[in-house]
Amino acid sequence: MATVSLDGQAITDWPSFHRECRAAFGFPDFYGCNMDAWIDCLSYLRDDEGMTKFRLAANEILQIDVLHADALRSSVPGLLDALEECIALINERYADYGEKPALSLKLH
């Protein structure tokens, strides 16, 4: 299973979340730094589009580990809820194409 880590202590607002994600996921330079762009980039995990540094196999899952999740929840209320919702939307996209879910979230 592929894994990517986000440090909740390094994320203090939405701009820092997008900076951390750009680095951790390897989003392209034209990444829009909003949740629509986040969803778009992670909807290509099994394609060779260069939207992330990850290229998943058909049944592979990318686990997103959020370290210091309590600190993140305190500093940016609602971000983890938005993250969970976006992951669910992305996994629904994969299901619509007859594929297995591509993302899971683990809070530490």
N, C-alpha and C. Protein backbone atom coordinates (compact mmCIF):
# COMPACT_ATOMS: atom_id res chain seq x y z
N MET A 1 0.84 -1.17 0.00
CA MET A 1 0.00 0.00 0.00
C MET A 1 0.89 1.24 0.00
N ALA A 2 0.61 2.14 -0.90
CA ALA A 2 1.31 3.42 -0.94
C ALA A 2 0.82 4.29 0.21
N THR A 3 1.71 5.08 0.76
CA THR A 3 1.37 5.94 1.90
C THR A 3 1.95 7.33 1.70
N VAL A 4 1.19 8.32 2.10
CA VAL A 4 1.67 9.70 2.11
C VAL A 4 1.31 10.28 3.48
N SER A 5 2.20 11.09 4.03
CA SER A 5 1.96 11.68 5.35
C SER A 5 1.83 13.19 5.25
N LEU A 6 0.87 13.71 6.01
CA LEU A 6 0.71 15.14 6.18
C LEU A 6 0.90 15.45 7.65
N ASP A 7 1.70 16.44 7.97
CA ASP A 7 1.97 16.80 9.36
C ASP A 7 0.98 17.87 9.81
N GLY A 8 0.06 17.47 10.67
CA GLY A 8 -0.96 18.39 11.16
C GLY A 8 -0.41 19.58 11.91
N GLN A 9 0.79 19.46 12.47
CA GLN A 9 1.39 20.60 13.16
C GLN A 9 1.91 21.64 12.18
N ALA A 10 2.23 21.23 10.97
CA ALA A 10 2.74 22.16 9.95
C ALA A 10 1.61 22.86 9.20
N ILE A 11 0.38 22.38 9.40
CA ILE A 11 -0.78 22.95 8.70
C ILE A 11 -1.51 23.86 9.67
N THR A 12 -1.43 25.15 9.43
CA THR A 12 -2.02 26.14 10.34
C THR A 12 -3.18 26.91 9.70
N ASP A 13 -3.37 26.73 8.40
CA ASP A 13 -4.45 27.38 7.67
C ASP A 13 -4.61 26.67 6.33
N TRP A 14 -5.57 27.10 5.54
CA TRP A 14 -5.80 26.45 4.25
C TRP A 14 -4.63 26.59 3.29
N PRO A 15 -3.99 27.77 3.20
CA PRO A 15 -2.83 27.87 2.30
C PRO A 15 -1.70 26.90 2.68
N SER A 16 -1.45 26.72 3.98
CA SER A 16 -0.39 25.79 4.39
C SER A 16 -0.81 24.34 4.11
N PHE A 17 -2.10 24.04 4.19
CA PHE A 17 -2.58 22.71 3.82
C PHE A 17 -2.25 22.42 2.35
N HIS A 18 -2.54 23.38 1.50
CA HIS A 18 -2.29 23.17 0.07
C HIS A 18 -0.79 23.12 -0.24
N ARG A 19 0.02 23.88 0.47
CA ARG A 19 1.48 23.80 0.29
C ARG A 19 1.98 22.41 0.68
N GLU A 20 1.52 21.93 1.83
CA GLU A 20 1.93 20.60 2.30
C GLU A 20 1.47 19.51 1.32
N CYS A 21 0.27 19.64 0.83
CA CYS A 21 -0.26 18.64 -0.12
C CYS A 21 0.51 18.68 -1.43
N ARG A 22 0.81 19.87 -1.91
CA ARG A 22 1.56 19.98 -3.17
C ARG A 22 2.89 19.24 -3.04
N ALA A 23 3.57 19.42 -1.92
CA ALA A 23 4.85 18.75 -1.71
C ALA A 23 4.68 17.24 -1.50
N ALA A 24 3.73 16.86 -0.65
CA ALA A 24 3.57 15.45 -0.28
C ALA A 24 3.05 14.60 -1.45
N PHE A 25 2.10 15.12 -2.21
CA PHE A 25 1.51 14.36 -3.31
C PHE A 25 2.23 14.57 -4.63
N GLY A 26 3.05 15.59 -4.71
CA GLY A 26 3.72 15.89 -5.97
C GLY A 26 2.77 16.48 -7.00
N PHE A 27 1.86 17.35 -6.55
CA PHE A 27 0.93 17.99 -7.47
C PHE A 27 1.71 18.85 -8.46
N PRO A 28 1.15 19.05 -9.65
CA PRO A 28 1.84 19.84 -10.68
C PRO A 28 1.92 21.32 -10.31
N ASP A 29 2.78 22.04 -10.99
CA ASP A 29 2.97 23.47 -10.73
C ASP A 29 1.68 24.26 -10.91
N PHE A 30 0.80 23.80 -11.78
CA PHE A 30 -0.44 24.54 -12.04
C PHE A 30 -1.57 24.19 -11.05
N TYR A 31 -1.24 23.42 -10.00
CA TYR A 31 -2.23 23.06 -8.97
C TYR A 31 -2.89 24.33 -8.44
N GLY A 32 -4.22 24.34 -8.40
CA GLY A 32 -4.99 25.53 -8.07
C GLY A 32 -5.12 25.88 -6.60
N CYS A 33 -4.57 25.08 -5.71
CA CYS A 33 -4.60 25.36 -4.27
C CYS A 33 -6.02 25.59 -3.74
N ASN A 34 -6.94 24.72 -4.15
CA ASN A 34 -8.29 24.70 -3.61
C ASN A 34 -8.75 23.24 -3.62
N MET A 35 -9.86 22.97 -2.97
CA MET A 35 -10.28 21.57 -2.83
C MET A 35 -10.79 20.98 -4.15
N ASP A 36 -11.30 21.81 -5.05
CA ASP A 36 -11.68 21.29 -6.36
C ASP A 36 -10.45 20.77 -7.10
N ALA A 37 -9.35 21.53 -7.05
CA ALA A 37 -8.11 21.11 -7.68
C ALA A 37 -7.54 19.88 -6.98
N TRP A 38 -7.65 19.81 -5.65
CA TRP A 38 -7.19 18.67 -4.86
C TRP A 38 -7.90 17.40 -5.34
N ILE A 39 -9.24 17.51 -5.47
CA ILE A 39 -10.03 16.38 -5.94
C ILE A 39 -9.62 15.99 -7.36
N ASP A 40 -9.47 16.97 -8.21
CA ASP A 40 -9.08 16.69 -9.59
C ASP A 40 -7.75 15.94 -9.66
N CYS A 41 -6.75 16.43 -8.95
CA CYS A 41 -5.42 15.79 -8.99
C CYS A 41 -5.48 14.34 -8.50
N LEU A 42 -6.22 14.11 -7.42
CA LEU A 42 -6.26 12.77 -6.84
C LEU A 42 -7.25 11.84 -7.54
N SER A 43 -7.93 12.35 -8.55
CA SER A 43 -8.81 11.51 -9.36
C SER A 43 -8.05 10.82 -10.48
N TYR A 44 -6.74 11.07 -10.57
CA TYR A 44 -5.90 10.49 -11.63
C TYR A 44 -4.81 9.58 -11.08
N LEU A 45 -5.04 8.99 -9.92
CA LEU A 45 -4.01 8.16 -9.29
C LEU A 45 -3.70 6.89 -10.08
N ARG A 46 -4.61 6.45 -10.89
CA ARG A 46 -4.39 5.23 -11.66
C ARG A 46 -4.15 5.52 -13.14
N ASP A 47 -3.95 6.76 -13.47
CA ASP A 47 -3.70 7.17 -14.84
C ASP A 47 -2.30 7.75 -14.94
N ASP A 48 -1.80 7.82 -16.13
CA ASP A 48 -0.46 8.38 -16.35
C ASP A 48 -0.57 9.83 -16.82
N GLU A 49 -1.21 10.65 -16.01
CA GLU A 49 -1.45 12.05 -16.36
C GLU A 49 -0.46 13.01 -15.69
N GLY A 50 0.33 12.51 -14.75
CA GLY A 50 1.29 13.36 -14.07
C GLY A 50 0.67 14.33 -13.07
N MET A 51 -0.51 14.00 -12.56
CA MET A 51 -1.18 14.89 -11.60
C MET A 51 -0.67 14.71 -10.17
N THR A 52 -0.01 13.58 -9.91
CA THR A 52 0.65 13.34 -8.62
C THR A 52 1.91 12.53 -8.91
N LYS A 53 2.71 12.36 -7.87
CA LYS A 53 3.89 11.51 -8.03
C LYS A 53 3.54 10.03 -7.85
N PHE A 54 2.29 9.74 -7.52
CA PHE A 54 1.84 8.37 -7.31
C PHE A 54 1.19 7.82 -8.57
N ARG A 55 1.42 6.55 -8.81
CA ARG A 55 0.76 5.82 -9.91
C ARG A 55 0.34 4.49 -9.32
N LEU A 56 -0.95 4.38 -9.00
CA LEU A 56 -1.46 3.19 -8.32
C LEU A 56 -1.86 2.09 -9.30
N ALA A 57 -1.67 0.86 -8.86
CA ALA A 57 -2.16 -0.29 -9.61
C ALA A 57 -3.68 -0.37 -9.42
N ALA A 58 -4.32 -1.23 -10.18
CA ALA A 58 -5.78 -1.31 -10.21
C ALA A 58 -6.42 -1.49 -8.84
N ASN A 59 -5.85 -2.28 -7.98
CA ASN A 59 -6.44 -2.54 -6.66
C ASN A 59 -5.69 -1.87 -5.52
N GLU A 60 -4.72 -1.04 -5.84
CA GLU A 60 -3.90 -0.41 -4.82
C GLU A 60 -4.62 0.81 -4.23
N ILE A 61 -4.32 1.08 -2.97
CA ILE A 61 -4.89 2.22 -2.25
C ILE A 61 -3.76 3.11 -1.77
N LEU A 62 -3.97 4.40 -1.87
CA LEU A 62 -3.05 5.38 -1.29
C LEU A 62 -3.61 5.77 0.07
N GLN A 63 -2.87 5.44 1.12
CA GLN A 63 -3.29 5.80 2.47
C GLN A 63 -2.71 7.17 2.81
N ILE A 64 -3.58 8.07 3.23
CA ILE A 64 -3.17 9.39 3.68
C ILE A 64 -3.11 9.37 5.19
N ASP A 65 -1.91 9.48 5.74
CA ASP A 65 -1.72 9.53 7.18
C ASP A 65 -1.62 10.99 7.60
N VAL A 66 -2.52 11.41 8.49
CA VAL A 66 -2.45 12.76 9.03
C VAL A 66 -1.88 12.65 10.43
N LEU A 67 -0.64 13.10 10.57
CA LEU A 67 0.04 13.09 11.85
C LEU A 67 -0.40 14.31 12.66
N HIS A 68 -0.49 14.17 13.95
CA HIS A 68 -0.90 15.27 14.82
C HIS A 68 -2.27 15.81 14.41
N ALA A 69 -3.19 14.90 14.17
CA ALA A 69 -4.53 15.27 13.71
C ALA A 69 -5.25 16.18 14.71
N ASP A 70 -5.02 15.98 16.01
CA ASP A 70 -5.67 16.83 17.01
C ASP A 70 -5.22 18.28 16.89
N ALA A 71 -3.93 18.49 16.62
CA ALA A 71 -3.41 19.84 16.43
C ALA A 71 -4.04 20.48 15.20
N LEU A 72 -4.17 19.70 14.15
CA LEU A 72 -4.79 20.21 12.93
C LEU A 72 -6.25 20.56 13.16
N ARG A 73 -6.95 19.69 13.87
CA ARG A 73 -8.37 19.94 14.15
C ARG A 73 -8.54 21.24 14.95
N SER A 74 -7.61 21.53 15.83
CA SER A 74 -7.68 22.76 16.63
C SER A 74 -7.33 24.00 15.82
N SER A 75 -6.30 23.90 15.00
CA SER A 75 -5.82 25.09 14.29
C SER A 75 -6.66 25.43 13.06
N VAL A 76 -7.23 24.43 12.41
CA VAL A 76 -8.04 24.67 11.20
C VAL A 76 -9.34 23.86 11.31
N PRO A 77 -10.29 24.37 12.09
CA PRO A 77 -11.55 23.64 12.26
C PRO A 77 -12.22 23.41 10.90
N GLY A 78 -12.72 22.21 10.73
CA GLY A 78 -13.44 21.87 9.51
C GLY A 78 -12.57 21.28 8.42
N LEU A 79 -11.26 21.42 8.51
CA LEU A 79 -10.40 20.91 7.44
C LEU A 79 -10.46 19.39 7.36
N LEU A 80 -10.39 18.71 8.48
CA LEU A 80 -10.43 17.24 8.45
C LEU A 80 -11.78 16.74 7.94
N ASP A 81 -12.85 17.43 8.30
CA ASP A 81 -14.17 17.05 7.78
C ASP A 81 -14.20 17.22 6.27
N ALA A 82 -13.65 18.33 5.78
CA ALA A 82 -13.60 18.56 4.33
C ALA A 82 -12.75 17.50 3.64
N LEU A 83 -11.65 17.14 4.27
CA LEU A 83 -10.77 16.11 3.72
C LEU A 83 -11.50 14.77 3.61
N GLU A 84 -12.23 14.39 4.64
CA GLU A 84 -12.99 13.15 4.61
C GLU A 84 -14.05 13.18 3.50
N GLU A 85 -14.73 14.30 3.35
CA GLU A 85 -15.75 14.43 2.32
C GLU A 85 -15.14 14.34 0.92
N CYS A 86 -14.00 14.98 0.73
CA CYS A 86 -13.35 14.96 -0.58
C CYS A 86 -12.84 13.57 -0.93
N ILE A 87 -12.31 12.87 0.05
CA ILE A 87 -11.85 11.50 -0.19
C ILE A 87 -13.04 10.62 -0.59
N ALA A 88 -14.17 10.80 0.08
CA ALA A 88 -15.37 10.03 -0.28
C ALA A 88 -15.81 10.35 -1.71
N LEU A 89 -15.76 11.62 -2.10
CA LEU A 89 -16.13 12.00 -3.47
C LEU A 89 -15.18 11.39 -4.49
N ILE A 90 -13.90 11.40 -4.19
CA ILE A 90 -12.91 10.81 -5.11
C ILE A 90 -13.15 9.31 -5.25
N ASN A 91 -13.37 8.64 -4.13
CA ASN A 91 -13.62 7.19 -4.19
C ASN A 91 -14.91 6.89 -4.95
N GLU A 92 -15.91 7.77 -4.86
CA GLU A 92 -17.13 7.61 -5.64
C GLU A 92 -16.84 7.72 -7.13
N ARG A 93 -15.95 8.65 -7.51
CA ARG A 93 -15.56 8.78 -8.92
C ARG A 93 -14.95 7.48 -9.44
N TYR A 94 -14.07 6.90 -8.61
CA TYR A 94 -13.47 5.63 -9.02
C TYR A 94 -14.54 4.55 -9.17
N ALA A 95 -15.49 4.50 -8.24
CA ALA A 95 -16.56 3.51 -8.31
C ALA A 95 -17.41 3.71 -9.56
N ASP A 96 -17.64 4.96 -9.93
CA ASP A 96 -18.42 5.25 -11.15
C ASP A 96 -17.76 4.68 -12.40
N TYR A 97 -16.44 4.54 -12.35
CA TYR A 97 -15.69 3.96 -13.48
C TYR A 97 -15.45 2.46 -13.30
N GLY A 98 -16.12 1.88 -12.30
CA GLY A 98 -16.00 0.45 -12.07
C GLY A 98 -14.71 0.05 -11.38
N GLU A 99 -14.06 1.01 -10.72
CA GLU A 99 -12.80 0.74 -10.04
C GLU A 99 -13.00 0.71 -8.54
N LYS A 100 -12.03 0.13 -7.87
CA LYS A 100 -12.04 0.08 -6.41
C LYS A 100 -11.63 1.45 -5.87
N PRO A 101 -11.97 1.73 -4.59
CA PRO A 101 -11.54 3.00 -3.99
C PRO A 101 -10.03 3.14 -4.07
N ALA A 102 -9.57 4.39 -4.17
CA ALA A 102 -8.14 4.65 -4.32
C ALA A 102 -7.52 5.29 -3.09
N LEU A 103 -8.35 5.81 -2.19
CA LEU A 103 -7.82 6.56 -1.05
C LEU A 103 -8.39 6.07 0.27
N SER A 104 -7.55 6.12 1.30
CA SER A 104 -8.03 5.91 2.66
C SER A 104 -7.36 6.96 3.53
N LEU A 105 -7.97 7.24 4.66
CA LEU A 105 -7.48 8.28 5.57
C LEU A 105 -7.27 7.68 6.95
N LYS A 106 -6.10 7.96 7.51
CA LYS A 106 -5.80 7.49 8.86
C LYS A 106 -5.31 8.68 9.67
N LEU A 107 -5.97 8.93 10.79
CA LEU A 107 -5.60 10.03 11.66
C LEU A 107 -4.78 9.53 12.82
N HIS A 108 -3.70 10.23 13.09
CA HIS A 108 -2.79 9.83 14.18
C HIS A 108 -2.73 10.94 15.22
